[in-house]
Amino acid sequence: MTQSSVKLDPGWMSVVGNEFDQPYMKALKQFLQQEKTAGRTIYPKGGDIFNALNITPFDKVEVVILGQDPYHGPNQAHGLAFSVRTGIALPPSLVNIYKEIESEFGVVLPNRGDLASWARQGVLLLNATLTVQAERAGSHQGRGWEQFTDAIIRALNDQGQPIVFMLWGAYAQKKGAFIDRAKHLVLQAPHPSPLSAHRGFFGCGHFKKANDFLAQHGRKPIDWTAVT
């Protein structure tokens, strides 16, 4: 991966494009090529890896939801954290996210998991690691993606506009530890997975809190009920 070979939103390229020329990114590219040469299936497909950045341009980010790994099952991952394409069964964490939204807003969400409509409104659905080997959760951790996504978060932290960061679970909270709490709204809760959602994700009120913050800063709230 180099700046010239990656199709990336120009705004993002201007703030993180130099990362593609760093040694860690060149090593990551080599690793991914070796995985493919070995016949291993990688998710998401190549054209979807940077979907989060391409659907939500740098200057349009209002909210960041930080995930960990892409889904590692067939036809699930498409480059947006927690999201699956329409027609794919909702993963358990997304089911619980929907339950919280339904509780906060008194609605019933459709049984569809494509969150691109959120992304188009300014919700950056960013995984810490942007690829994974099929059926092997965490298999591409420690290969360089985390350094790249740290650069993304740092660029958002340093720009002028205050935004909302939703950090669910210890992993996301550790990754976002450097975010400037005096400027941005940082919302923390347990991860929405079935193992931890009952420890405080349910009832966290994050989606209304995010909208209240955006409204206080003269910006349009997110329609969290809009799923495609």
Protein backbone atom coordinates (compact mmCIF):
# COMPACT_ATOMS: atom_id res chain seq x y z
CA MET A 1 0.00 0.00 0.00
CA THR A 2 1.28 3.40 -1.04
CA GLN A 3 -0.39 6.78 -1.34
CA SER A 4 -0.65 6.30 -5.08
CA SER A 5 -2.12 2.79 -4.90
CA VAL A 6 -4.80 3.37 -2.25
CA LYS A 7 -8.19 4.84 -3.12
CA LEU A 8 -8.87 7.10 -0.17
CA ASP A 9 -11.01 10.17 0.41
CA PRO A 10 -8.80 13.23 -0.32
CA GLY A 11 -9.45 14.76 3.10
CA TRP A 12 -8.24 11.64 4.85
CA MET A 13 -5.31 11.33 2.48
CA SER A 14 -4.22 14.84 3.44
CA VAL A 15 -4.03 13.98 7.15
CA VAL A 16 -2.94 10.32 7.19
CA GLY A 17 -1.59 9.75 3.68
CA ASN A 18 2.01 9.89 4.87
CA GLU A 19 1.34 6.75 6.92
CA PHE A 20 1.32 4.71 3.71
CA ASP A 21 4.99 5.53 3.19
CA GLN A 22 6.04 4.38 6.65
CA PRO A 23 7.96 1.10 7.16
CA TYR A 24 5.17 -0.45 9.24
CA MET A 25 2.67 0.02 6.43
CA LYS A 26 5.02 -1.51 3.90
CA ALA A 27 5.45 -4.50 6.22
CA LEU A 28 1.67 -4.74 6.58
CA LYS A 29 1.25 -4.78 2.82
CA GLN A 30 3.81 -7.58 2.56
CA PHE A 31 2.04 -9.56 5.27
CA LEU A 32 -1.33 -9.27 3.50
CA GLN A 33 0.23 -10.37 0.22
CA GLN A 34 1.75 -13.40 1.95
CA GLU A 35 -1.63 -14.30 3.43
CA LYS A 36 -3.25 -14.20 0.01
CA THR A 37 -0.39 -16.17 -1.57
CA ALA A 38 -0.89 -18.83 1.11
CA GLY A 39 -4.53 -19.13 0.02
CA ARG A 40 -6.01 -17.62 3.17
CA THR A 41 -9.30 -15.77 2.90
CA ILE A 42 -9.14 -12.18 4.14
CA TYR A 43 -12.12 -10.06 5.23
CA PRO A 44 -13.31 -7.59 4.14
CA LYS A 45 -12.53 -7.73 0.44
CA GLY A 46 -9.87 -5.32 -0.75
CA GLY A 47 -12.21 -2.69 -2.11
CA ASP A 48 -14.04 -2.45 1.22
CA ILE A 49 -11.07 -2.15 3.59
CA PHE A 50 -11.19 1.66 3.73
CA ASN A 51 -14.98 2.02 3.50
CA ALA A 52 -15.23 3.78 6.88
CA LEU A 53 -12.94 6.56 5.67
CA ASN A 54 -14.39 6.81 2.19
CA ILE A 55 -18.04 6.97 3.29
CA THR A 56 -17.32 9.41 6.14
CA PRO A 57 -14.87 12.10 4.95
CA PHE A 58 -12.48 13.64 7.47
CA ASP A 59 -14.24 17.01 7.61
CA LYS A 60 -17.68 15.39 8.03
CA VAL A 61 -16.94 13.29 11.14
CA GLU A 62 -19.37 14.03 13.98
CA VAL A 63 -19.17 10.78 15.98
CA VAL A 64 -16.57 8.00 16.16
CA ILE A 65 -17.60 4.47 17.17
CA LEU A 66 -14.48 2.42 17.72
CA GLY A 67 -14.54 -1.33 17.11
CA GLN A 68 -11.74 -3.87 17.36
CA ASP A 69 -11.71 -6.41 14.50
CA PRO A 70 -13.78 -6.87 11.37
CA TYR A 71 -16.27 -9.73 11.54
CA HIS A 72 -14.54 -12.95 10.51
CA GLY A 73 -17.53 -14.88 9.14
CA PRO A 74 -18.47 -15.11 5.45
CA ASN A 75 -20.21 -12.10 3.89
CA GLN A 76 -20.22 -10.11 7.15
CA ALA A 77 -17.40 -7.55 7.12
CA HIS A 78 -17.66 -4.68 4.67
CA GLY A 79 -15.38 -2.06 6.18
CA LEU A 80 -17.70 -0.48 8.77
CA ALA A 81 -17.35 -1.42 12.44
CA PHE A 82 -20.32 -3.40 13.82
CA SER A 83 -22.09 -3.27 10.43
CA VAL A 84 -23.16 -6.08 8.09
CA ARG A 85 -24.76 -5.82 4.70
CA THR A 86 -28.52 -6.09 4.36
CA GLY A 87 -29.60 -9.73 4.20
CA ILE A 88 -26.94 -10.93 6.65
CA ALA A 89 -28.08 -12.00 10.12
CA LEU A 90 -27.44 -9.38 12.78
CA PRO A 91 -24.38 -10.25 14.91
CA PRO A 92 -25.01 -10.35 18.68
CA SER A 93 -23.21 -7.07 19.45
CA LEU A 94 -25.25 -5.23 16.83
CA VAL A 95 -28.44 -6.75 18.23
CA ASN A 96 -27.55 -5.23 21.59
CA ILE A 97 -26.67 -1.86 20.04
CA TYR A 98 -30.12 -1.84 18.46
CA LYS A 99 -31.72 -2.74 21.79
CA GLU A 100 -30.09 0.29 23.42
CA ILE A 101 -31.20 2.60 20.60
CA GLU A 102 -34.74 1.21 20.80
CA SER A 103 -34.76 1.83 24.55
CA GLU A 104 -33.45 5.38 24.25
CA PHE A 105 -35.73 6.50 21.43
CA GLY A 106 -38.83 4.30 21.92
CA VAL A 107 -38.65 2.81 18.43
CA VAL A 108 -38.37 -0.62 16.82
CA LEU A 109 -35.50 -0.92 14.37
CA PRO A 110 -35.73 -3.05 11.22
CA ASN A 111 -33.90 -6.34 11.10
CA ARG A 112 -31.20 -4.92 8.83
CA GLY A 113 -27.59 -4.37 9.79
CA ASP A 114 -26.07 -2.08 7.16
CA LEU A 115 -24.97 1.04 9.05
CA ALA A 116 -23.85 2.97 5.98
CA SER A 117 -26.70 5.42 6.63
CA TRP A 118 -25.01 6.33 9.92
CA ALA A 119 -21.67 6.67 8.15
CA ARG A 120 -23.16 9.06 5.61
CA GLN A 121 -24.42 11.24 8.46
CA GLY A 122 -20.94 11.58 9.93
CA VAL A 123 -20.54 8.51 12.13
CA LEU A 124 -17.05 7.07 11.59
CA LEU A 125 -17.40 3.32 12.16
CA LEU A 126 -13.73 2.55 12.68
CA ASN A 127 -12.21 -0.78 13.57
CA ALA A 128 -8.77 -0.72 15.19
CA THR A 129 -7.69 -3.50 12.83
CA LEU A 130 -8.99 -3.23 9.27
CA THR A 131 -8.55 -6.84 8.10
CA VAL A 132 -8.87 -10.34 9.54
CA GLN A 133 -8.35 -13.91 8.38
CA ALA A 134 -11.55 -15.87 7.87
CA GLU A 135 -12.77 -17.62 11.02
CA ARG A 136 -9.78 -16.38 13.07
CA ALA A 137 -10.71 -13.44 15.28
CA GLY A 138 -7.78 -11.16 16.06
CA SER A 139 -5.52 -12.81 13.49
CA HIS A 140 -4.30 -9.51 12.01
CA GLN A 141 -3.73 -7.71 15.28
CA GLY A 142 -0.21 -6.44 15.89
CA ARG A 143 0.60 -6.22 12.17
CA GLY A 144 0.42 -2.45 11.82
CA TRP A 145 -3.22 -1.55 11.45
CA GLU A 146 -3.38 -0.27 15.01
CA GLN A 147 -0.67 2.28 14.27
CA PHE A 148 -2.61 3.48 11.24
CA THR A 149 -5.89 3.78 13.13
CA ASP A 150 -4.11 5.56 15.99
CA ALA A 151 -3.04 8.14 13.39
CA ILE A 152 -6.68 8.49 12.32
CA ILE A 153 -7.85 9.07 15.89
CA ARG A 154 -5.00 11.50 16.53
CA ALA A 155 -5.92 13.53 13.44
CA LEU A 156 -9.51 13.76 14.64
CA ASN A 157 -8.41 14.65 18.16
CA ASP A 158 -6.18 17.46 16.89
CA GLN A 159 -8.57 19.13 14.45
CA GLY A 160 -10.66 22.06 15.62
CA GLN A 161 -14.18 20.72 15.74
CA PRO A 162 -15.36 18.93 18.90
CA ILE A 163 -16.70 15.46 18.17
CA VAL A 164 -18.11 12.49 20.07
CA PHE A 165 -16.07 9.35 20.69
CA MET A 166 -17.93 6.19 21.76
CA LEU A 167 -15.47 3.81 23.42
CA TRP A 168 -17.09 0.51 24.32
CA GLY A 169 -15.02 -2.02 26.24
CA ALA A 170 -11.52 -1.94 27.70
CA TYR A 171 -9.77 -2.29 24.33
CA ALA A 172 -11.42 0.79 22.81
CA GLN A 173 -10.98 2.77 26.01
CA LYS A 174 -7.26 2.04 26.12
CA LYS A 175 -6.86 2.96 22.45
CA GLY A 176 -8.67 6.26 22.99
CA ALA A 177 -6.90 7.16 26.24
CA PHE A 178 -5.08 10.12 24.65
CA ILE A 179 -8.24 11.86 23.35
CA ASP A 180 -8.63 15.40 24.68
CA ARG A 181 -11.60 15.23 27.04
CA ALA A 182 -11.62 19.01 27.43
CA LYS A 183 -12.48 19.41 23.74
CA HIS A 184 -14.35 16.24 22.78
CA LEU A 185 -17.14 14.22 24.37
CA VAL A 186 -15.79 10.78 25.28
CA LEU A 187 -18.50 8.25 26.14
CA GLN A 188 -17.35 5.01 27.77
CA ALA A 189 -19.31 1.84 28.54
CA PRO A 190 -18.82 -1.92 28.56
CA HIS A 191 -18.73 -3.59 25.15
CA PRO A 192 -22.16 -4.43 23.66
CA SER A 193 -21.28 -8.11 23.28
CA PRO A 194 -23.57 -10.57 25.11
CA LEU A 195 -20.72 -11.22 27.57
CA SER A 196 -20.67 -7.65 28.86
CA ALA A 197 -23.67 -5.63 27.66
CA HIS A 198 -25.56 -6.19 30.91
CA ARG A 199 -22.70 -4.66 32.90
CA GLY A 200 -23.57 -1.15 31.81
CA PHE A 201 -23.90 -0.91 28.04
CA PHE A 202 -27.65 -1.27 28.39
CA GLY A 203 -28.87 2.01 29.83
CA CYS A 204 -25.71 3.95 28.90
CA GLY A 205 -27.72 6.55 26.98
CA HIS A 206 -24.84 7.17 24.59
CA PHE A 207 -26.90 7.82 21.49
CA LYS A 208 -29.00 10.57 23.05
CA LYS A 209 -25.95 12.00 24.81
CA ALA A 210 -24.16 12.20 21.48
CA ASN A 211 -27.08 14.01 19.88
CA ASP A 212 -27.38 16.43 22.80
CA PHE A 213 -23.68 17.28 22.45
CA LEU A 214 -23.99 17.86 18.70
CA ALA A 215 -27.06 20.07 19.20
CA GLN A 216 -25.23 22.08 21.87
CA HIS A 217 -22.54 22.80 19.30
CA GLY A 218 -25.01 23.85 16.61
CA ARG A 219 -24.76 20.66 14.60
CA LYS A 220 -27.36 18.25 13.28
CA PRO A 221 -28.12 15.22 15.48
CA ILE A 222 -27.66 11.73 14.08
CA ASP A 223 -30.76 9.79 13.08
CA TRP A 224 -29.80 6.56 14.84
CA THR A 225 -33.05 4.93 13.72
CA ALA A 226 -32.02 5.16 10.06
CA VAL A 227 -30.60 1.76 9.14
CA THR A 228 -30.59 0.33 5.63
